[in-house]
Protein backbone atom coordinates (compact mmCIF):
# COMPACT_ATOMS: atom_id res chain seq x y z
CA UNK A 1 137.22 64.83 11.71
CA UNK A 2 139.08 64.94 15.04
CA UNK A 3 142.82 65.62 15.09
CA UNK A 4 144.74 63.91 17.90
CA UNK A 5 147.53 66.54 18.19
CA UNK A 6 150.28 63.93 18.35
CA UNK A 7 153.21 63.59 15.98
CA UNK A 8 154.20 59.95 16.48
CA UNK A 9 152.16 56.82 15.87
CA UNK A 10 153.01 53.12 16.08
CA UNK A 11 150.36 50.47 15.45
CA UNK A 12 150.25 46.70 15.96
CA UNK A 13 147.40 45.59 13.71
CA UNK A 14 144.70 43.32 15.16
CA UNK A 15 144.48 39.71 14.10
CA UNK A 16 141.03 39.08 12.73
CA UNK A 17 138.68 40.58 15.33
CA UNK A 18 140.96 40.68 18.39
CA UNK A 19 143.99 42.50 19.65
CA UNK A 20 145.62 45.53 18.17
CA UNK A 21 147.62 48.21 19.96
CA UNK A 22 148.47 51.82 19.21
CA UNK A 23 151.08 54.06 20.77
CA UNK A 24 151.02 57.80 20.16
CA UNK A 25 153.46 60.46 21.36
CA UNK A 26 154.29 64.13 21.14
CA UNK A 27 157.31 65.37 19.18
CA UNK A 28 158.98 66.54 22.40
CA UNK A 29 159.03 62.93 23.64
CA UNK A 30 161.76 60.59 22.45
CA UNK A 31 160.47 57.03 22.20
CA UNK A 32 163.00 54.25 21.55
CA UNK A 33 161.29 51.02 20.64
CA UNK A 34 162.63 48.08 22.65
CA UNK A 35 160.28 45.47 21.17
CA UNK A 36 156.73 44.56 20.28
CA UNK A 37 154.51 41.59 19.60
CA UNK A 38 150.83 41.01 18.95
CA UNK A 39 150.28 41.49 22.69
CA UNK A 40 152.67 44.27 23.71
CA UNK A 41 154.64 47.36 22.75
CA UNK A 42 157.70 48.16 24.87
CA UNK A 43 159.46 51.53 24.60
CA UNK A 44 162.14 53.51 26.42
CA UNK A 45 160.84 57.04 26.96
CA UNK A 46 162.94 60.19 27.29
CA UNK A 47 161.32 63.51 28.17
CA UNK A 48 163.46 66.58 28.74
CA UNK A 49 164.15 67.11 32.45
CA UNK A 50 163.05 63.60 33.50
CA UNK A 51 164.85 60.31 34.02
CA UNK A 52 164.34 57.76 31.22
CA UNK A 53 161.70 55.10 31.86
CA UNK A 54 160.12 52.13 30.14
CA UNK A 55 156.51 52.06 29.05
CA UNK A 56 154.86 48.78 28.14
CA UNK A 57 151.42 48.61 26.61
CA UNK A 58 149.92 45.14 27.12
CA UNK A 59 146.96 43.35 25.57
CA UNK A 60 146.45 40.06 27.37
CA UNK A 61 146.05 36.66 25.79
CA UNK A 62 142.34 36.47 24.87
CA UNK A 63 141.92 32.86 26.05
CA UNK A 64 141.98 32.44 29.84
CA UNK A 65 143.84 29.14 29.44
CA UNK A 66 146.74 31.03 27.82
CA UNK A 67 147.01 33.94 30.27
CA UNK A 68 150.19 32.40 31.68
CA UNK A 69 151.85 33.59 28.44
CA UNK A 70 151.10 37.20 29.39
CA UNK A 71 152.73 36.72 32.78
CA UNK A 72 155.76 35.08 31.15
CA UNK A 73 156.06 38.06 28.78
CA UNK A 74 155.87 40.52 31.69
CA UNK A 75 158.53 38.63 33.66
CA UNK A 76 160.82 38.57 30.64
CA UNK A 77 160.41 42.29 30.01
CA UNK A 78 161.07 43.09 33.70
CA UNK A 79 164.32 41.17 33.61
CA UNK A 80 165.50 43.06 30.53
CA UNK A 81 165.37 46.59 31.96
CA UNK A 82 166.55 48.41 35.05
CA UNK A 83 164.57 51.58 34.29
CA UNK A 84 161.39 52.72 36.07
CA UNK A 85 158.58 50.65 34.58
CA UNK A 86 154.95 51.79 34.78
CA UNK A 87 152.78 49.11 33.22
CA UNK A 88 149.90 50.33 31.05
CA UNK A 89 146.90 48.10 30.48
CA UNK A 90 144.49 48.24 27.60
CA UNK A 91 141.18 49.06 29.24
CA UNK A 92 138.30 46.67 29.43
CA UNK A 93 140.12 43.35 29.35
CA UNK A 94 143.71 43.35 30.53
CA UNK A 95 142.89 44.03 34.17
CA UNK A 96 141.76 40.41 34.24
CA UNK A 97 145.35 39.27 33.66
CA UNK A 98 146.24 40.49 37.16
CA UNK A 99 144.06 37.87 38.79
CA UNK A 100 146.08 35.57 41.03
CA UNK A 101 144.76 32.35 39.48
CA UNK A 102 146.06 33.40 36.02
CA UNK A 103 149.49 34.36 37.29
CA UNK A 104 150.07 31.16 39.22
CA UNK A 105 148.97 28.63 36.57
């Protein structure tokens, strides 16, 4: 069995066979949960010696016709924080959400 060597874990369970997110962190990192849904986890991160920043894990809407919802979520989250905001994508699918045609629908 593999040990991950992290002390914190937060999971958004998948619905049926899609979705699901996990956020893990070290004890030395302070993570303040701002919000979450089936498609995102948003936290304020504090690490000693660094400025606080937001981290948002995103899992896009699985149906292309509903990708606009992902963009609406991202816009809403951006309005709610003035911290540095690196956006983290779940590999394999969410890079598709950054296609222009999805954003502008």
